[in-house]
Protein backbone atom coordinates (compact mmCIF):
# COMPACT_ATOMS: atom_id res chain seq x y z
CA MET A 1 -174.32 -130.53 54.12
CA ASN A 2 -173.57 -130.07 50.41
CA VAL A 3 -173.53 -132.85 47.80
CA LYS A 4 -169.81 -133.60 47.90
CA GLU A 5 -169.82 -133.84 51.71
CA TYR A 6 -172.86 -136.14 51.52
CA LEU A 7 -171.17 -138.44 48.99
CA LYS A 8 -168.21 -138.98 51.32
CA THR A 9 -170.60 -140.48 53.89
CA LEU A 10 -171.88 -143.18 51.50
CA THR A 11 -170.87 -146.80 51.92
CA ASP A 12 -173.38 -148.46 49.57
CA PHE A 13 -172.43 -147.97 45.90
CA SER A 14 -175.07 -150.28 44.47
CA LEU A 15 -177.59 -147.43 44.35
CA THR A 16 -178.47 -145.76 41.08
CA ALA A 17 -178.12 -141.99 40.86
CA THR A 18 -181.92 -141.66 41.12
CA GLU A 19 -182.11 -143.76 44.29
CA ALA A 20 -179.19 -141.93 45.87
CA TYR A 21 -180.80 -138.57 45.08
CA LYS A 22 -184.06 -139.62 46.78
CA ASN A 23 -182.11 -140.61 49.89
CA TYR A 24 -180.31 -137.26 49.80
CA LEU A 25 -183.61 -135.36 49.68
CA ASN A 26 -185.05 -137.44 52.51
CA MET A 27 -182.15 -136.38 54.75
CA GLY A 28 -183.70 -132.90 54.87
CA PHE A 29 -180.57 -130.86 54.27
CA PRO A 30 -181.26 -127.10 53.96
CA GLU A 31 -178.98 -126.88 50.91
CA VAL A 32 -180.69 -128.93 48.19
CA SER A 33 -179.02 -129.65 44.85
CA THR A 34 -180.75 -130.13 41.49
CA TYR A 35 -180.86 -133.69 40.19
CA PRO A 36 -178.63 -133.12 37.09
CA TYR A 37 -175.84 -131.68 39.28
CA PHE A 38 -176.28 -134.42 41.89
CA ARG A 39 -176.23 -137.15 39.21
CA THR A 40 -173.02 -135.80 37.68
CA GLN A 41 -171.24 -135.58 41.04
CA TYR A 42 -172.54 -138.99 42.16
CA ASN A 43 -171.37 -140.76 38.99
CA LYS A 44 -167.94 -139.08 39.11
CA TYR A 45 -167.49 -140.05 42.76
CA ASN A 46 -168.74 -143.55 42.03
CA THR A 47 -166.22 -143.86 39.19
CA ARG A 48 -163.32 -142.87 41.42
CA VAL A 49 -164.38 -145.38 44.08
CA ILE A 50 -164.67 -148.19 41.53
CA GLN A 51 -161.25 -147.33 40.09
CA ALA A 52 -159.82 -147.46 43.62
CA ILE A 53 -161.45 -150.86 44.15
CA ASN A 54 -160.02 -152.19 40.89
CA THR A 55 -156.49 -151.07 41.81
CA THR A 56 -156.44 -152.23 45.45
CA PRO A 57 -154.15 -155.20 46.28
CA GLN A 58 -157.17 -157.10 47.60
CA PRO A 59 -159.63 -157.46 44.68
CA VAL A 60 -163.23 -156.77 45.54
CA GLU A 61 -165.93 -158.26 43.34
CA VAL A 62 -168.27 -155.59 41.99
CA LYS A 63 -171.29 -156.79 40.05
CA THR A 64 -172.30 -154.98 36.86
CA GLU A 65 -175.96 -154.90 37.79
CA GLU A 66 -175.12 -153.03 40.98
CA ILE A 67 -173.64 -150.11 39.03
CA VAL A 68 -175.30 -149.97 35.61
CA GLU A 69 -178.84 -148.71 35.82
CA VAL A 70 -181.27 -151.53 34.98
CA ILE A 71 -184.06 -150.72 32.52
CA GLU A 72 -187.30 -151.70 34.18
CA GLU A 73 -190.03 -153.38 32.16
CA GLN A 74 -193.19 -151.40 31.62
CA GLY A 75 -196.69 -152.55 30.87
CA ARG A 76 -198.77 -151.71 27.84
CA VAL A 77 -199.65 -148.01 27.42
CA ILE A 78 -202.42 -146.92 25.02
CA LYS A 79 -202.79 -143.33 23.82
CA ASN A 80 -206.30 -142.25 22.83
CA TYR A 81 -206.13 -138.75 21.34
CA MET A 82 -209.86 -138.66 20.63
CA ASN A 83 -210.69 -139.11 24.31
CA GLY A 84 -208.44 -136.56 25.93
CA ASP A 85 -204.80 -137.57 25.51
CA SER A 86 -203.02 -134.43 24.33
CA ILE A 87 -201.06 -134.43 21.09
CA PRO A 88 -197.48 -133.34 21.83
CA ASP A 89 -195.97 -130.38 20.03
CA ALA A 90 -193.44 -131.07 17.30
CA PRO A 91 -189.92 -131.18 18.76
CA SER A 92 -187.97 -127.95 18.29
CA LEU A 93 -185.11 -127.53 15.85
CA ILE A 94 -181.47 -126.46 16.22
CA PRO A 95 -180.35 -124.73 13.01
CA THR A 96 -176.77 -124.42 11.78
CA GLY A 97 -177.38 -121.46 9.47
CA THR A 98 -176.30 -123.55 6.47
CA MET A 99 -177.97 -125.42 3.63
CA PHE A 100 -177.83 -128.53 5.85
CA ASP A 101 -180.83 -127.22 7.83
CA GLU A 102 -183.15 -127.55 4.85
CA LEU A 103 -181.65 -130.90 3.91
CA ILE A 104 -182.25 -132.61 7.25
CA SER A 105 -185.60 -130.94 8.07
CA ASP A 106 -188.05 -129.24 5.75
CA ARG A 107 -189.91 -127.52 8.58
CA ILE A 108 -189.72 -123.88 7.47
CA THR A 109 -192.15 -121.27 8.82
CA ASN A 110 -194.07 -119.51 6.05
CA GLU A 111 -195.77 -116.10 6.02
CA GLU A 112 -199.22 -117.56 6.72
CA GLU A 113 -197.97 -119.23 9.92
CA MET A 114 -196.33 -116.01 11.10
CA LYS A 115 -199.52 -114.06 10.37
CA ALA A 116 -201.63 -116.62 12.26
CA TYR A 117 -199.29 -116.35 15.26
CA GLU A 118 -199.57 -112.56 15.25
CA GLU A 119 -203.38 -112.73 15.11
CA LYS A 120 -203.50 -115.24 17.97
CA TYR A 121 -201.00 -113.62 20.35
CA GLY A 122 -201.14 -109.98 19.24
CA GLU A 123 -197.42 -109.78 18.54
CA GLU A 124 -194.96 -110.79 15.87
CA MET A 125 -193.60 -114.32 16.04
CA PRO A 126 -190.26 -114.27 17.93
CA GLU A 127 -187.22 -115.02 15.83
CA ASP A 128 -186.35 -118.13 17.82
CA LYS A 129 -189.75 -119.62 16.97
CA ILE A 130 -189.36 -119.13 13.22
CA GLU A 131 -188.26 -122.50 11.91
CA ILE A 132 -185.58 -122.71 9.24
CA GLY A 133 -184.81 -126.42 9.54
CA GLY A 134 -181.92 -127.96 11.46
CA PHE A 135 -181.17 -130.78 13.89
CA THR A 136 -184.44 -132.11 15.36
CA ARG A 137 -184.62 -132.58 19.13
CA LYS A 138 -185.90 -135.89 20.56
CA CYS A 139 -184.50 -137.67 17.48
CA VAL A 140 -181.63 -140.06 16.76
CA ASP A 141 -180.16 -139.76 13.25
CA ILE A 142 -177.74 -142.26 11.74
CA THR A 143 -175.07 -141.21 9.29
CA ALA A 144 -172.94 -143.80 7.54
CA GLY A 145 -170.05 -143.82 5.12
CA LYS A 146 -166.83 -145.51 4.16
CA ALA A 147 -163.70 -144.93 6.22
CA GLY A 148 -162.25 -141.50 5.47
CA SER A 149 -165.42 -140.18 3.82
CA GLY A 150 -165.72 -137.38 6.40
CA LYS A 151 -168.92 -138.52 8.10
CA THR A 152 -167.73 -137.87 11.68
CA TYR A 153 -165.80 -134.71 10.86
CA SER A 154 -168.65 -133.08 8.92
CA ARG A 155 -171.24 -133.80 11.63
CA CYS A 156 -168.92 -132.45 14.34
CA VAL A 157 -168.35 -129.23 12.40
CA LEU A 158 -172.09 -128.83 11.77
CA ALA A 159 -172.82 -129.29 15.48
CA ALA A 160 -170.22 -126.63 16.29
CA LYS A 161 -171.75 -124.28 13.72
CA ALA A 162 -175.18 -124.83 15.33
CA LYS A 163 -173.77 -123.75 18.71
CA VAL A 164 -172.23 -120.58 17.21
CA PHE A 165 -175.39 -119.82 15.20
CA MET A 166 -177.72 -120.19 18.20
CA LYS A 167 -175.56 -117.86 20.28
CA ARG A 168 -175.14 -115.26 17.54
CA GLU A 169 -178.70 -115.18 16.22
CA TYR A 170 -180.81 -116.00 19.30
CA ASN A 171 -178.41 -115.38 22.20
CA LYS A 172 -179.01 -118.96 23.36
CA ASP A 173 -176.31 -121.18 24.80
CA ILE A 174 -176.42 -124.84 23.84
CA ARG A 175 -173.99 -127.66 24.60
CA VAL A 176 -172.62 -129.83 21.81
CA GLY A 177 -170.72 -132.99 22.62
CA PHE A 178 -168.53 -135.53 20.86
CA ILE A 179 -168.54 -139.03 22.39
CA SER A 180 -165.49 -140.66 20.88
CA GLY A 181 -165.38 -144.41 20.99
CA GLU A 182 -162.37 -144.70 18.68
CA MET A 183 -159.98 -141.76 19.19
CA ARG A 184 -157.72 -140.80 22.04
CA GLU A 185 -157.19 -137.17 23.05
CA SER A 186 -153.83 -136.96 21.25
CA GLU A 187 -155.52 -138.07 18.02
CA TRP A 188 -158.41 -135.61 18.29
CA ALA A 189 -155.92 -132.83 19.06
CA LYS A 190 -154.68 -133.05 15.47
CA GLU A 191 -158.17 -132.14 14.23
CA LEU A 192 -158.51 -129.33 16.79
CA LYS A 193 -155.35 -127.68 15.50
CA LYS A 194 -156.66 -127.76 11.93
CA CYS A 195 -160.19 -126.50 12.73
CA SER A 196 -160.84 -124.07 15.58
CA LEU A 197 -164.61 -124.65 15.23
CA LEU A 198 -164.16 -128.11 16.75
CA LYS A 199 -163.13 -126.49 20.05
CA GLU A 200 -166.84 -125.73 20.54
CA LEU A 201 -167.44 -129.44 21.23
CA GLU A 202 -167.01 -130.98 24.66
CA VAL A 203 -165.44 -134.43 24.34
CA ASP A 204 -165.90 -137.72 26.20
CA TYR A 205 -163.09 -140.18 25.40
CA MET A 206 -164.75 -143.54 26.03
CA LEU A 207 -161.52 -145.49 25.55
CA ASN A 208 -160.61 -144.27 29.05
CA TYR A 209 -163.38 -146.42 30.56
CA VAL A 210 -163.12 -149.65 28.56
CA GLY A 211 -163.24 -152.68 30.86
CA GLN A 212 -164.89 -150.82 33.73
CA ASN A 213 -168.12 -152.12 35.19
CA ASN A 214 -169.69 -148.67 35.06
CA TYR A 215 -168.86 -148.02 31.37
CA GLU A 216 -172.54 -147.85 30.38
CA SER A 217 -173.40 -145.47 33.22
CA ILE A 218 -170.74 -143.04 32.03
CA PHE A 219 -171.84 -143.41 28.40
CA TRP A 220 -175.54 -142.73 29.04
CA GLU A 221 -174.72 -139.80 31.31
CA ALA A 222 -172.72 -138.29 28.44
CA VAL A 223 -175.53 -138.85 25.92
CA ALA A 224 -177.98 -136.97 28.16
CA ASP A 225 -175.67 -134.03 28.86
CA TYR A 226 -175.68 -132.26 25.47
CA ASP A 227 -178.17 -130.61 23.11
CA ILE A 228 -176.47 -132.20 20.09
CA VAL A 229 -174.41 -135.38 20.53
CA ILE A 230 -172.14 -137.01 17.93
CA ILE A 231 -171.35 -140.64 18.79
CA ASP A 232 -168.44 -142.20 16.92
CA SER A 233 -169.14 -144.95 16.44
CA PHE A 234 -171.95 -147.42 17.06
CA PRO A 235 -169.79 -150.56 16.48
CA ALA A 236 -167.08 -149.20 18.80
CA ILE A 237 -169.52 -148.51 21.66
CA LEU A 238 -171.08 -151.97 21.29
CA GLY A 239 -167.62 -153.51 21.40
CA HIS A 240 -166.79 -151.62 24.58
CA ILE A 241 -170.03 -152.76 26.25
CA ARG A 242 -169.21 -156.38 25.44
CA MET A 243 -165.80 -155.92 27.08
CA SER A 244 -167.30 -155.05 30.47
CA PRO A 245 -166.12 -157.69 32.97
CA ASN A 246 -169.54 -159.07 33.91
CA GLU A 247 -171.33 -158.61 30.58
CA LYS A 248 -173.36 -161.75 29.81
CA ARG A 249 -176.01 -160.52 27.34
CA PRO A 250 -175.96 -161.82 23.75
CA GLU A 251 -175.17 -159.20 21.10
CA LYS A 252 -178.74 -158.95 19.83
CA THR A 253 -179.97 -158.17 23.35
CA ILE A 254 -177.28 -155.52 23.76
CA ILE A 255 -178.39 -153.89 20.49
CA ASN A 256 -182.07 -153.97 21.45
CA ASP A 257 -181.30 -152.52 24.88
CA PHE A 258 -179.16 -149.82 23.24
CA ILE A 259 -181.95 -148.79 20.84
CA ARG A 260 -184.57 -148.63 23.58
CA LYS A 261 -182.30 -146.71 25.94
CA ILE A 262 -181.13 -144.14 23.39
CA LEU A 263 -184.72 -143.39 22.33
CA GLN A 264 -185.71 -142.92 25.97
CA THR A 265 -182.70 -140.69 26.56
CA VAL A 266 -183.32 -138.23 23.70
CA GLU A 267 -187.00 -138.06 24.66
CA SER A 268 -186.32 -137.19 28.29
CA SER A 269 -183.26 -135.01 27.58
CA ASN A 270 -184.86 -133.17 24.65
CA ASN A 271 -181.71 -133.43 22.57
CA ASN A 272 -180.50 -134.77 19.22
CA VAL A 273 -178.07 -137.65 18.64
CA GLN A 274 -176.00 -138.12 15.49
CA LEU A 275 -175.00 -141.78 15.56
CA ILE A 276 -172.08 -142.63 13.26
CA ASN A 277 -172.03 -146.04 11.57
CA GLN A 278 -170.16 -147.66 8.72
CA CYS A 279 -170.59 -148.74 5.11
CA ASN A 280 -169.18 -151.81 3.41
CA LYS A 281 -166.88 -151.69 0.37
CA ASP A 282 -169.88 -151.32 -1.96
CA GLY A 283 -171.06 -148.22 -0.10
CA ASN A 284 -174.11 -149.94 1.37
CA TYR A 285 -175.13 -149.64 5.01
CA LYS A 286 -173.24 -152.06 7.22
CA GLY A 287 -175.16 -153.84 9.96
CA GLY A 288 -178.67 -155.09 10.60
CA THR A 289 -181.92 -153.31 9.86
CA GLU A 290 -182.82 -152.62 13.50
CA LEU A 291 -181.21 -149.19 13.70
CA PRO A 292 -182.41 -147.71 10.37
CA HIS A 293 -185.97 -148.92 10.94
CA MET A 294 -186.33 -147.73 14.52
CA LEU A 295 -184.46 -144.41 14.45
CA SER A 296 -185.36 -141.09 12.82
CA SER A 297 -183.21 -140.87 9.72
CA LEU A 298 -180.47 -142.57 7.74
CA SER A 299 -178.01 -140.51 5.72
CA PHE A 300 -174.77 -141.22 3.90
CA VAL A 301 -171.59 -139.25 3.34
CA GLU A 302 -170.24 -140.41 0.00
CA THR A 303 -167.51 -139.61 -2.49
CA GLU A 304 -167.81 -139.05 -6.22
CA GLY A 305 -164.28 -138.79 -7.54
CA PRO A 306 -162.70 -135.89 -5.62
CA LYS A 307 -166.13 -134.59 -4.57
CA ARG A 308 -168.04 -135.38 -1.36
CA PHE A 309 -171.75 -135.16 -0.75
CA MET A 310 -174.43 -135.90 1.86
CA ARG A 311 -177.58 -137.79 0.98
CA PHE A 312 -180.55 -138.88 3.09
CA GLU A 313 -182.01 -142.27 2.22
CA LYS A 314 -184.68 -142.17 4.94
CA ASN A 315 -185.88 -139.11 6.82
CA ARG A 316 -188.74 -138.84 9.31
CA ASN A 317 -187.69 -135.26 10.17
CA ASN A 318 -189.71 -133.98 7.17
CA GLY A 319 -186.46 -133.40 5.32
CA ASN A 320 -185.40 -134.25 1.80
CA VAL A 321 -184.36 -137.69 0.54
CA ASN A 322 -182.05 -138.77 -2.26
CA ARG A 323 -180.77 -135.25 -2.89
CA LYS A 324 -177.02 -134.82 -3.14
CA ALA A 325 -175.64 -131.92 -1.12
CA TYR A 326 -172.03 -131.45 -2.22
CA PHE A 327 -169.60 -129.96 0.28
CA SER A 328 -165.93 -129.24 0.65
CA LYS A 329 -163.49 -128.50 3.45
CA ASP A 330 -161.89 -125.07 3.70
CA GLU A 331 -158.15 -125.72 3.73
CA ASN A 332 -157.44 -122.72 5.97
CA THR A 333 -160.22 -122.92 8.58
CA GLY A 334 -161.40 -126.54 8.29
CA ASP A 335 -164.97 -125.30 7.93
CA ILE A 336 -167.58 -127.25 5.91
CA ILE A 337 -168.78 -125.33 2.84
CA PHE A 338 -171.82 -126.47 0.85
CA ASN A 339 -172.14 -125.96 -2.89
CA GLU A 340 -175.49 -124.18 -2.72
CA GLU A 341 -175.38 -123.14 -6.37
CA ALA A 342 -175.18 -126.74 -7.57
CA TYR A 343 -177.92 -127.83 -5.16
CA ASN A 344 -180.30 -125.01 -6.14
CA SER A 345 -179.74 -125.43 -9.87
CA THR A 346 -180.28 -129.19 -9.64
CA TYR A 347 -183.35 -129.31 -7.42
CA LYS A 348 -184.95 -125.94 -6.88
CA SER A 349 -184.94 -124.92 -10.56
CA SER A 350 -186.82 -128.11 -11.42
CA GLU A 351 -189.47 -127.16 -8.87
CA ASP A 352 -189.65 -123.70 -10.43
CA ASN A 353 -190.12 -125.31 -13.85
CA LYS A 354 -192.97 -127.39 -12.49
CA THR A 355 -194.56 -124.24 -11.12
CA SER A 356 -194.07 -122.44 -14.42
CA LEU A 357 -195.60 -125.36 -16.32
CA LYS A 358 -198.61 -125.32 -14.01
CA GLU A 359 -199.03 -121.60 -14.52
CA LEU A 360 -198.70 -122.10 -18.28
CA MET A 361 -201.41 -124.75 -18.29
CA GLU A 362 -203.71 -122.47 -16.29
CA GLU A 363 -203.04 -119.61 -18.72
CA LEU A 364 -203.79 -121.84 -21.70
CA SER A 365 -206.98 -123.01 -20.03
CA ASN A 366 -208.05 -119.43 -19.40
CA LYS A 367 -207.31 -118.53 -23.01
CA THR A 368 -209.39 -121.50 -24.19
CA ASN A 369 -212.28 -120.45 -22.00
CA ARG A 370 -212.10 -116.87 -23.28
CA PHE A 371 -211.99 -118.13 -26.88
CA ASN A 372 -215.06 -120.31 -26.32
CA GLU A 373 -216.93 -117.42 -24.76
CA GLU A 374 -216.04 -115.12 -27.66
CA LEU A 375 -217.03 -117.81 -30.15
CA GLU A 376 -220.40 -118.24 -28.47
CA GLU A 377 -220.95 -114.46 -28.66
CA GLU A 378 -220.10 -114.47 -32.37
CA ILE A 379 -222.49 -117.37 -33.04
CA LYS A 380 -225.25 -115.57 -31.16
CA LEU A 381 -224.56 -112.42 -33.19
CA ASP A 382 -224.63 -114.36 -36.46
CA ILE A 383 -227.94 -115.97 -35.54
CA THR A 384 -229.43 -112.57 -34.63
CA THR A 385 -228.20 -111.01 -37.88
CA THR A 386 -229.60 -113.90 -39.89
CA LEU A 387 -233.02 -113.57 -38.25
CA ILE A 388 -233.09 -109.82 -38.98
CA ASP A 389 -232.19 -110.45 -42.63
CA GLU A 390 -234.95 -113.07 -42.95
CA GLU A 391 -237.51 -110.69 -41.46
CA GLU A 392 -236.51 -107.92 -43.92
CA LEU A 393 -236.73 -110.37 -46.82
CA GLN A 394 -240.18 -111.52 -45.73
CA GLU A 395 -241.40 -107.89 -45.55
CA ASN A 396 -240.17 -107.15 -49.07
CA VAL A 397 -241.95 -110.23 -50.44
CA THR A 398 -245.16 -109.20 -48.75
CA GLU A 399 -245.01 -105.73 -50.26
């Protein structure tokens, strides 16, 4: 019996996908499905059943807690790396092939690291292991900006460019997704017609599920499905959760649950989330401090007259902070183009100057040392000459 046939036999829809999958395995069917496929099919089937229940002439009460997966409490866990707990490897990166990679993550493989790899494994470091920055897996990054600043559009284009870059350079297929909490398909279609790159993104239109008891189940399934996920926007998703029929949690509890769940999701799914938020009229971050403090980075998309730029205010991805990366939108293709010349002349040249100054100081120090050594030699020579002259004078007097 395959998965779809098995689902038709179910009568209890209070089970989570995990519980249902365990029951499926225990049935001992010769054809066994993987959990990700089973979970997707189970949730889709569950959604259709719930929709049927909600539209039947005889209303049937369906409790939220029976559908939305409940986060179980866990006890205290201590990691002791001195006594055997292994230190995890740094999460891998997903580059876009643009200047953005260096901006968001400064993890760039140098020649010494490549040489060490070759000595250890007896072969050159594979290209897909050479780090050039990019989106960091297992991380949630917030980007904020005023309405119309281009924060959602620019992140969506960058995610699409990452997918194209990974396929072209490393022959690796990744999935990039856009979870839209604000736009309908007809509205997103306008952007698709202007920028073909955006077709690389798979889209979940969350407005389709507002008011359903299983809204959160669908949302978290979508977050876990992609390698890079753009969520637009945090306030919209919170508003949708509050609109669920049986939602009783206060807003602060919803936010805390959201933070904990999204961190668990990126850790287990090994993906990256770009969470879109808002700014107030003054351009400052709008909302509490919970998100910026507990997530990986906080960046802004801002305007300066007709110009736009990205800037990271906080970055735990080893990237740069408070550097303006100006970008523009290609009118023909809709692509995002960074002004690398302005960025390099503003920041990298100053680093070069620092290096040059250091070299100059070392050269001056070396010159000073050489001068002192030469001076000492001259003094020694003068003393020797003086002693010889005194000895000759003493001999003449004696004669």
